[in-house]
Every structure is written in C-alpha cells, then in structure tokens.
PDB file of N, CA and C in Angstrom:
ATOM      1  N   MET A   1      -4.800  -3.918  -5.245  1.00  0.00           N
ATOM      2  CA  MET A   1      -6.125  -3.693  -4.729  1.00  0.00           C
ATOM      3  C   MET A   1      -6.067  -2.406  -3.901  1.00  0.00           C
ATOM      4  N   SER A   2      -7.068  -1.612  -4.034  1.00  0.00           N
ATOM      5  CA  SER A   2      -7.148  -0.402  -3.228  1.00  0.00           C
ATOM      6  C   SER A   2      -8.575  -0.204  -2.745  1.00  0.00           C
ATOM      7  N   GLY A   3      -8.699   0.620  -1.730  1.00  0.00           N
ATOM      8  CA  GLY A   3     -10.001   0.952  -1.188  1.00  0.00           C
ATOM      9  C   GLY A   3      -9.881   2.230  -0.386  1.00  0.00           C
ATOM     10  N   HIS A   4     -10.961   2.617   0.256  1.00  0.00           N
ATOM     11  CA  HIS A   4     -10.928   3.832   1.070  1.00  0.00           C
ATOM     12  C   HIS A   4     -11.978   3.752   2.159  1.00  0.00           C
ATOM     13  N   ASP A   5     -11.831   4.631   3.129  1.00  0.00           N
ATOM     14  CA  ASP A   5     -12.782   4.707   4.233  1.00  0.00           C
ATOM     15  C   ASP A   5     -13.620   5.978   4.143  1.00  0.00           C
ATOM     16  N   GLY A   6     -13.608   6.611   2.977  1.00  0.00           N
ATOM     17  CA  GLY A   6     -14.329   7.861   2.787  1.00  0.00           C
ATOM     18  C   GLY A   6     -13.442   9.079   2.969  1.00  0.00           C
ATOM     19  N   ARG A   7     -12.289   8.887   3.548  1.00  0.00           N
ATOM     20  CA  ARG A   7     -11.361   9.990   3.789  1.00  0.00           C
ATOM     21  C   ARG A   7      -9.968   9.693   3.266  1.00  0.00           C
ATOM     22  N   ARG A   8      -9.465   8.475   3.518  1.00  0.00           N
ATOM     23  CA  ARG A   8      -8.120   8.087   3.117  1.00  0.00           C
ATOM     24  C   ARG A   8      -8.173   6.821   2.284  1.00  0.00           C
ATOM     25  N   GLY A   9      -7.261   6.749   1.321  1.00  0.00           N
ATOM     26  CA  GLY A   9      -7.149   5.553   0.504  1.00  0.00           C
ATOM     27  C   GLY A   9      -6.143   4.590   1.100  1.00  0.00           C
ATOM     28  N   TYR A  10      -6.261   3.340   0.688  1.00  0.00           N
ATOM     29  CA  TYR A  10      -5.359   2.297   1.167  1.00  0.00           C
ATOM     30  C   TYR A  10      -5.006   1.382   0.007  1.00  0.00           C
ATOM     31  N   LEU A  11      -3.724   1.156  -0.179  1.00  0.00           N
ATOM     32  CA  LEU A  11      -3.273   0.148  -1.132  1.00  0.00           C
ATOM     33  C   LEU A  11      -3.039  -1.126  -0.339  1.00  0.00           C
ATOM     34  N   GLN A  12      -3.471  -2.241  -0.885  1.00  0.00           N
ATOM     35  CA  GLN A  12      -3.339  -3.506  -0.175  1.00  0.00           C
ATOM     36  C   GLN A  12      -2.924  -4.602  -1.137  1.00  0.00           C
ATOM     37  N   HIS A  13      -2.078  -5.480  -0.659  1.00  0.00           N
ATOM     38  CA  HIS A  13      -1.720  -6.701  -1.383  1.00  0.00           C
ATOM     39  C   HIS A  13      -1.137  -6.430  -2.763  1.00  0.00           C
ATOM     40  N   LEU A  14      -0.281  -5.433  -2.861  1.00  0.00           N
ATOM     41  CA  LEU A  14       0.365  -5.147  -4.141  1.00  0.00           C
ATOM     42  C   LEU A  14       1.639  -5.963  -4.247  1.00  0.00           C
ATOM     43  N   LEU A  15       1.736  -6.733  -5.307  1.00  0.00           N
ATOM     44  CA  LEU A  15       2.893  -7.584  -5.511  1.00  0.00           C
ATOM     45  C   LEU A  15       3.112  -7.782  -7.001  1.00  0.00           C
ATOM     46  N   VAL A  16       4.366  -7.684  -7.400  1.00  0.00           N
ATOM     47  CA  VAL A  16       4.763  -8.031  -8.768  1.00  0.00           C
ATOM     48  C   VAL A  16       5.805  -9.136  -8.629  1.00  0.00           C
ATOM     49  N   LEU A  17       5.573 -10.238  -9.295  1.00  0.00           N
ATOM     50  CA  LEU A  17       6.513 -11.359  -9.221  1.00  0.00           C
ATOM     51  C   LEU A  17       7.895 -10.920  -9.694  1.00  0.00           C
ATOM     52  N   PRO A  18       8.943 -11.461  -9.090  1.00  0.00           N
ATOM     53  CA  PRO A  18      10.313 -11.034  -9.421  1.00  0.00           C
ATOM     54  C   PRO A  18      10.630 -11.030 -10.917  1.00  0.00           C
ATOM     55  N   GLU A  19      10.166 -12.020 -11.637  1.00  0.00           N
ATOM     56  CA  GLU A  19      10.488 -12.084 -13.068  1.00  0.00           C
ATOM     57  C   GLU A  19       9.792 -11.011 -13.909  1.00  0.00           C
ATOM     58  N   TYR A  20       8.826 -10.296 -13.309  1.00  0.00           N
ATOM     59  CA  TYR A  20       8.127  -9.240 -14.032  1.00  0.00           C
ATOM     60  C   TYR A  20       8.453  -7.845 -13.502  1.00  0.00           C
ATOM     61  N   ARG A  21       9.336  -7.751 -12.533  1.00  0.00           N
ATOM     62  CA  ARG A  21       9.680  -6.449 -11.956  1.00  0.00           C
ATOM     63  C   ARG A  21      10.535  -5.637 -12.917  1.00  0.00           C
ATOM     64  N   ARG A  22      10.589  -4.342 -12.646  1.00  0.00           N
ATOM     65  CA  ARG A  22      11.370  -3.379 -13.436  1.00  0.00           C
ATOM     66  C   ARG A  22      10.833  -3.213 -14.856  1.00  0.00           C
ATOM     67  N   GLN A  23       9.519  -3.439 -15.000  1.00  0.00           N
ATOM     68  CA  GLN A  23       8.857  -3.244 -16.284  1.00  0.00           C
ATOM     69  C   GLN A  23       7.765  -2.183 -16.189  1.00  0.00           C
ATOM     70  N   GLY A  24       7.641  -1.558 -15.023  1.00  0.00           N
ATOM     71  CA  GLY A  24       6.631  -0.522 -14.832  1.00  0.00           C
ATOM     72  C   GLY A  24       5.261  -1.048 -14.445  1.00  0.00           C
ATOM     73  N   ILE A  25       5.152  -2.354 -14.205  1.00  0.00           N
ATOM     74  CA  ILE A  25       3.856  -2.946 -13.871  1.00  0.00           C
ATOM     75  C   ILE A  25       3.344  -2.425 -12.536  1.00  0.00           C
ATOM     76  N   GLY A  26       4.200  -2.463 -11.515  1.00  0.00           N
ATOM     77  CA  GLY A  26       3.793  -1.980 -10.196  1.00  0.00           C
ATOM     78  C   GLY A  26       3.413  -0.510 -10.228  1.00  0.00           C
ATOM     79  N   GLN A  27       4.214   0.268 -10.900  1.00  0.00           N
ATOM     80  CA  GLN A  27       3.939   1.702 -10.997  1.00  0.00           C
ATOM     81  C   GLN A  27       2.608   1.950 -11.704  1.00  0.00           C
ATOM     82  N   ALA A  28       2.318   1.179 -12.755  1.00  0.00           N
ATOM     83  CA  ALA A  28       1.055   1.324 -13.477  1.00  0.00           C
ATOM     84  C   ALA A  28      -0.133   0.933 -12.589  1.00  0.00           C
ATOM     85  N   LEU A  29       0.019  -0.132 -11.811  1.00  0.00           N
ATOM     86  CA  LEU A  29      -1.050  -0.551 -10.912  1.00  0.00           C
ATOM     87  C   LEU A  29      -1.324   0.508  -9.853  1.00  0.00           C
ATOM     88  N   VAL A  30      -0.254   1.040  -9.268  1.00  0.00           N
ATOM     89  CA  VAL A  30      -0.409   2.075  -8.245  1.00  0.00           C
ATOM     90  C   VAL A  30      -1.061   3.317  -8.839  1.00  0.00           C
ATOM     91  N   GLU A  31      -0.616   3.724 -10.014  1.00  0.00           N
ATOM     92  CA  GLU A  31      -1.188   4.915 -10.649  1.00  0.00           C
ATOM     93  C   GLU A  31      -2.674   4.728 -10.928  1.00  0.00           C
ATOM     94  N   ARG A  32      -3.053   3.546 -11.394  1.00  0.00           N
ATOM     95  CA  ARG A  32      -4.469   3.281 -11.652  1.00  0.00           C
ATOM     96  C   ARG A  32      -5.279   3.391 -10.360  1.00  0.00           C
ATOM     97  N   CYS A  33      -4.742   2.846  -9.283  1.00  0.00           N
ATOM     98  CA  CYS A  33      -5.426   2.946  -7.994  1.00  0.00           C
ATOM     99  C   CYS A  33      -5.544   4.392  -7.538  1.00  0.00           C
ATOM    100  N   LEU A  34      -4.455   5.143  -7.625  1.00  0.00           N
ATOM    101  CA  LEU A  34      -4.475   6.535  -7.166  1.00  0.00           C
ATOM    102  C   LEU A  34      -5.424   7.396  -7.993  1.00  0.00           C
ATOM    103  N   VAL A  35      -5.451   7.190  -9.295  1.00  0.00           N
ATOM    104  CA  VAL A  35      -6.368   7.931 -10.166  1.00  0.00           C
ATOM    105  C   VAL A  35      -7.818   7.591  -9.821  1.00  0.00           C
ATOM    106  N   SER A  36      -8.084   6.313  -9.581  1.00  0.00           N
ATOM    107  CA  SER A  36      -9.445   5.895  -9.222  1.00  0.00           C
ATOM    108  C   SER A  36      -9.867   6.478  -7.878  1.00  0.00           C
ATOM    109  N   LEU A  37      -8.949   6.500  -6.917  1.00  0.00           N
ATOM    110  CA  LEU A  37      -9.259   7.103  -5.625  1.00  0.00           C
ATOM    111  C   LEU A  37      -9.511   8.603  -5.771  1.00  0.00           C
ATOM    112  N   GLU A  38      -8.665   9.251  -6.549  1.00  0.00           N
ATOM    113  CA  GLU A  38      -8.837  10.696  -6.757  1.00  0.00           C
ATOM    114  C   GLU A  38     -10.186  11.002  -7.409  1.00  0.00           C
ATOM    115  N   ALA A  39     -10.644  10.123  -8.276  1.00  0.00           N
ATOM    116  CA  ALA A  39     -11.926  10.339  -8.962  1.00  0.00           C
ATOM    117  C   ALA A  39     -13.102  10.375  -7.992  1.00  0.00           C
ATOM    118  N   VAL A  40     -12.942   9.766  -6.808  1.00  0.00           N
ATOM    119  CA  VAL A  40     -14.005   9.809  -5.804  1.00  0.00           C
ATOM    120  C   VAL A  40     -13.643  10.734  -4.649  1.00  0.00           C
ATOM    121  N   GLY A  41     -12.650  11.602  -4.865  1.00  0.00           N
ATOM    122  CA  GLY A  41     -12.317  12.638  -3.895  1.00  0.00           C
ATOM    123  C   GLY A  41     -11.312  12.245  -2.830  1.00  0.00           C
ATOM    124  N   ILE A  42     -10.624  11.140  -3.025  1.00  0.00           N
ATOM    125  CA  ILE A  42      -9.618  10.689  -2.050  1.00  0.00           C
ATOM    126  C   ILE A  42      -8.241  11.097  -2.571  1.00  0.00           C
ATOM    127  N   HIS A  43      -7.546  11.965  -1.825  1.00  0.00           N
ATOM    128  CA  HIS A  43      -6.273  12.509  -2.288  1.00  0.00           C
ATOM    129  C   HIS A  43      -5.067  12.051  -1.467  1.00  0.00           C
ATOM    130  N   LYS A  44      -5.306  11.332  -0.378  1.00  0.00           N
ATOM    131  CA  LYS A  44      -4.210  10.832   0.438  1.00  0.00           C
ATOM    132  C   LYS A  44      -4.375   9.322   0.555  1.00  0.00           C
ATOM    133  N   CYS A  45      -3.265   8.607   0.430  1.00  0.00           N
ATOM    134  CA  CYS A  45      -3.319   7.155   0.417  1.00  0.00           C
ATOM    135  C   CYS A  45      -2.224   6.580   1.307  1.00  0.00           C
ATOM    136  N   HIS A  46      -2.493   5.433   1.913  1.00  0.00           N
ATOM    137  CA  HIS A  46      -1.555   4.753   2.785  1.00  0.00           C
ATOM    138  C   HIS A  46      -1.260   3.354   2.250  1.00  0.00           C
ATOM    139  N   ILE A  47      -0.108   2.835   2.607  1.00  0.00           N
ATOM    140  CA  ILE A  47       0.239   1.439   2.377  1.00  0.00           C
ATOM    141  C   ILE A  47       1.035   0.959   3.575  1.00  0.00           C
ATOM    142  N   ASP A  48       0.812  -0.284   3.967  1.00  0.00           N
ATOM    143  CA  ASP A  48       1.584  -0.884   5.055  1.00  0.00           C
ATOM    144  C   ASP A  48       2.724  -1.689   4.457  1.00  0.00           C
ATOM    145  N   VAL A  49       3.901  -1.570   5.054  1.00  0.00           N
ATOM    146  CA  VAL A  49       5.083  -2.326   4.635  1.00  0.00           C
ATOM    147  C   VAL A  49       5.659  -2.990   5.881  1.00  0.00           C
ATOM    148  N   LEU A  50       5.838  -4.286   5.810  1.00  0.00           N
ATOM    149  CA  LEU A  50       6.418  -4.991   6.948  1.00  0.00           C
ATOM    150  C   LEU A  50       7.846  -4.519   7.208  1.00  0.00           C
ATOM    151  N   LYS A  51       8.196  -4.381   8.459  1.00  0.00           N
ATOM    152  CA  LYS A  51       9.554  -3.958   8.815  1.00  0.00           C
ATOM    153  C   LYS A  51      10.597  -4.973   8.368  1.00  0.00           C
ATOM    154  N   THR A  52      10.172  -6.193   8.102  1.00  0.00           N
ATOM    155  CA  THR A  52      11.079  -7.237   7.636  1.00  0.00           C
ATOM    156  C   THR A  52      11.260  -7.223   6.123  1.00  0.00           C
ATOM    157  N   ASN A  53      10.740  -6.188   5.447  1.00  0.00           N
ATOM    158  CA  ASN A  53      10.833  -6.093   3.990  1.00  0.00           C
ATOM    159  C   ASN A  53      11.487  -4.767   3.588  1.00  0.00           C
ATOM    160  N   PRO A  54      12.798  -4.635   3.821  1.00  0.00           N
ATOM    161  CA  PRO A  54      13.461  -3.369   3.498  1.00  0.00           C
ATOM    162  C   PRO A  54      13.443  -3.045   2.008  1.00  0.00           C
ATOM    163  N   ALA A  55      13.402  -4.046   1.142  1.00  0.00           N
ATOM    164  CA  ALA A  55      13.346  -3.771  -0.300  1.00  0.00           C
ATOM    165  C   ALA A  55      12.054  -3.038  -0.651  1.00  0.00           C
ATOM    166  N   ALA A  56      10.949  -3.450  -0.044  1.00  0.00           N
ATOM    167  CA  ALA A  56       9.679  -2.767  -0.290  1.00  0.00           C
ATOM    168  C   ALA A  56       9.721  -1.341   0.262  1.00  0.00           C
ATOM    169  N   ALA A  57      10.299  -1.167   1.442  1.00  0.00           N
ATOM    170  CA  ALA A  57      10.407   0.173   2.021  1.00  0.00           C
ATOM    171  C   ALA A  57      11.212   1.089   1.108  1.00  0.00           C
ATOM    172  N   THR A  58      12.290   0.579   0.573  1.00  0.00           N
ATOM    173  CA  THR A  58      13.114   1.363  -0.354  1.00  0.00           C
ATOM    174  C   THR A  58      12.329   1.708  -1.609  1.00  0.00           C
ATOM    175  N   TYR A  59      11.599   0.726  -2.136  1.00  0.00           N
ATOM    176  CA  TYR A  59      10.789   0.971  -3.340  1.00  0.00           C
ATOM    177  C   TYR A  59       9.813   2.119  -3.111  1.00  0.00           C
ATOM    178  N   TRP A  60       9.037   2.036  -2.026  1.00  0.00           N
ATOM    179  CA  TRP A  60       8.021   3.065  -1.785  1.00  0.00           C
ATOM    180  C   TRP A  60       8.656   4.423  -1.534  1.00  0.00           C
ATOM    181  N   ALA A  61       9.752   4.468  -0.806  1.00  0.00           N
ATOM    182  CA  ALA A  61      10.447   5.739  -0.574  1.00  0.00           C
ATOM    183  C   ALA A  61      10.925   6.332  -1.899  1.00  0.00           C
ATOM    184  N   ASN A  62      11.430   5.494  -2.778  1.00  0.00           N
ATOM    185  CA  ASN A  62      11.900   5.966  -4.085  1.00  0.00           C
ATOM    186  C   ASN A  62      10.758   6.425  -4.979  1.00  0.00           C
ATOM    187  N   GLN A  63       9.550   5.996  -4.688  1.00  0.00           N
ATOM    188  CA  GLN A  63       8.378   6.421  -5.455  1.00  0.00           C
ATOM    189  C   GLN A  63       7.761   7.704  -4.893  1.00  0.00           C
ATOM    190  N   GLY A  64       8.373   8.245  -3.834  1.00  0.00           N
ATOM    191  CA  GLY A  64       7.888   9.496  -3.266  1.00  0.00           C
ATOM    192  C   GLY A  64       6.972   9.342  -2.060  1.00  0.00           C
ATOM    193  N   TRP A  65       6.734   8.114  -1.620  1.00  0.00           N
ATOM    194  CA  TRP A  65       5.915   7.885  -0.442  1.00  0.00           C
ATOM    195  C   TRP A  65       6.758   8.173   0.800  1.00  0.00           C
ATOM    196  N   GLN A  66       6.117   8.672   1.843  1.00  0.00           N
ATOM    197  CA  GLN A  66       6.839   9.060   3.049  1.00  0.00           C
ATOM    198  C   GLN A  66       6.541   8.108   4.199  1.00  0.00           C
ATOM    199  N   LEU A  67       7.603   7.653   4.859  1.00  0.00           N
ATOM    200  CA  LEU A  67       7.462   6.833   6.051  1.00  0.00           C
ATOM    201  C   LEU A  67       6.972   7.715   7.188  1.00  0.00           C
ATOM    202  N   ARG A  68       5.896   7.309   7.812  1.00  0.00           N
ATOM    203  CA  ARG A  68       5.349   8.079   8.926  1.00  0.00           C
ATOM    204  C   ARG A  68       5.917   7.575  10.236  1.00  0.00           C
ATOM    205  N   GLY A  69       6.188   8.487  11.115  1.00  0.00           N
ATOM    206  CA  GLY A  69       6.673   8.132  12.436  1.00  0.00           C
ATOM    207  C   GLY A  69       5.711   8.542  13.533  1.00  0.00           C
ATOM    208  N   ASP A  70       4.560   9.077  13.130  1.00  0.00           N
ATOM    209  CA  ASP A  70       3.630   9.631  14.110  1.00  0.00           C
ATOM    210  C   ASP A  70       2.505   8.691  14.501  1.00  0.00           C
ATOM    211  N   ILE A  71       2.440   7.503  13.899  1.00  0.00           N
ATOM    212  CA  ILE A  71       1.369   6.575  14.265  1.00  0.00           C
ATOM    213  C   ILE A  71       1.928   5.162  14.409  1.00  0.00           C
ATOM    214  N   ASP A  72       1.244   4.369  15.174  1.00  0.00           N
ATOM    215  CA  ASP A  72       1.493   2.942  15.275  1.00  0.00           C
ATOM    216  C   ASP A  72       0.202   2.238  14.887  1.00  0.00           C
ATOM    217  N   ARG A  73       0.319   1.140  14.182  1.00  0.00           N
ATOM    218  CA  ARG A  73      -0.868   0.370  13.804  1.00  0.00           C
ATOM    219  C   ARG A  73      -1.052  -0.754  14.814  1.00  0.00           C
ATOM    220  N   PHE A  74      -2.277  -0.897  15.303  1.00  0.00           N
ATOM    221  CA  PHE A  74      -2.641  -1.982  16.189  1.00  0.00           C
ATOM    222  C   PHE A  74      -3.593  -2.907  15.445  1.00  0.00           C
ATOM    223  N   SER A  75      -3.471  -4.203  15.677  1.00  0.00           N
ATOM    224  CA  SER A  75      -4.351  -5.190  15.046  1.00  0.00           C
ATOM    225  C   SER A  75      -4.978  -6.072  16.111  1.00  0.00           C
ATOM    226  N   PHE A  76      -6.151  -6.573  15.804  1.00  0.00           N
ATOM    227  CA  PHE A  76      -6.833  -7.511  16.676  1.00  0.00           C
ATOM    228  C   PHE A  76      -7.377  -8.631  15.818  1.00  0.00           C
ATOM    229  N   THR A  77      -7.129  -9.850  16.239  1.00  0.00           N
ATOM    230  CA  THR A  77      -7.643 -11.015  15.519  1.00  0.00           C
ATOM    231  C   THR A  77      -8.482 -11.827  16.484  1.00  0.00           C
ATOM    232  N   ARG A  78      -9.701 -12.125  16.077  1.00  0.00           N
ATOM    233  CA  ARG A  78     -10.571 -12.952  16.908  1.00  0.00           C
ATOM    234  C   ARG A  78      -9.998 -14.354  17.010  1.00  0.00           C
ATOM    235  N   PRO A  79     -10.104 -14.975  18.169  1.00  0.00           N
ATOM    236  CA  PRO A  79      -9.594 -16.342  18.333  1.00  0.00           C
ATOM    237  C   PRO A  79     -10.193 -17.281  17.286  1.00  0.00           C
ATOM    238  N   GLY A  80      -9.342 -18.159  16.768  1.00  0.00           N
ATOM    239  CA  GLY A  80      -9.786 -19.108  15.763  1.00  0.00           C
ATOM    240  C   GLY A  80      -9.553 -18.644  14.345  1.00  0.00           C
ATOM    241  N   ASN A  81      -9.117 -17.383  14.187  1.00  0.00           N
ATOM    242  CA  ASN A  81      -8.862 -16.825  12.856  1.00  0.00           C
ATOM    243  C   ASN A  81      -7.462 -16.267  12.775  1.00  0.00           C
ATOM    244  N   GLU A  82      -6.505 -16.984  13.256  1.00  0.00           N
ATOM    245  CA  GLU A  82      -5.130 -16.487  13.333  1.00  0.00           C
ATOM    246  C   GLU A  82      -4.534 -16.140  11.966  1.00  0.00           C
ATOM    247  N   ASN A  83      -5.044 -16.711  10.903  1.00  0.00           N
ATOM    248  CA  ASN A  83      -4.521 -16.423   9.552  1.00  0.00           C
ATOM    249  C   ASN A  83      -5.292 -15.320   8.853  1.00  0.00           C
ATOM    250  N   ALA A  84      -6.203 -14.672   9.555  1.00  0.00           N
ATOM    251  CA  ALA A  84      -7.007 -13.609   8.951  1.00  0.00           C
ATOM    252  C   ALA A  84      -6.165 -12.374   8.726  1.00  0.00           C
TER     253      ALA A  84
END
C-alpha cells in the first residue's frame, strides 16, 4: 500500500510471506507503487522499518533505500485506541 501527502510518498504495510520471498514479488509491488507515485509528481518516498527488524533494514538498504539519521518520528495515540 502506498500513499502521499502531496509532496512525499509513503510505503506502508508491505509484506511478502516467507514462502513467497525471493521471487521478485516485493520488488514488483514496490516498483508499482513508485511508478504510480511518480505519475502524480511524487519523486521521493519513505518507508518505516522497526529497529527490531534488521532483516527488513538490510532488504531496503540492498534495494538502494537510504537510512536517514536526520529525523525522528513521533507518534501520538488517543486513549482507548492503543492498537491503532
């Protein structure tokens, strides 16, 4: 799934089940998202990777994505919606 805020794109909830990995599925999904974003003028895209998922970090780095060190993400959850 991807989206944008009018300036930057965001990839969200990308997952390929282990038994289907290494078949180019993830790469095809990402490419489709990036092409679609580019079609509406979005040329820069972000993805969040949990620090507890080094395999995902390695994957994205190997795909040419760069780990940023210049920002921190802050989140806020309204009480009663802890799973949001």
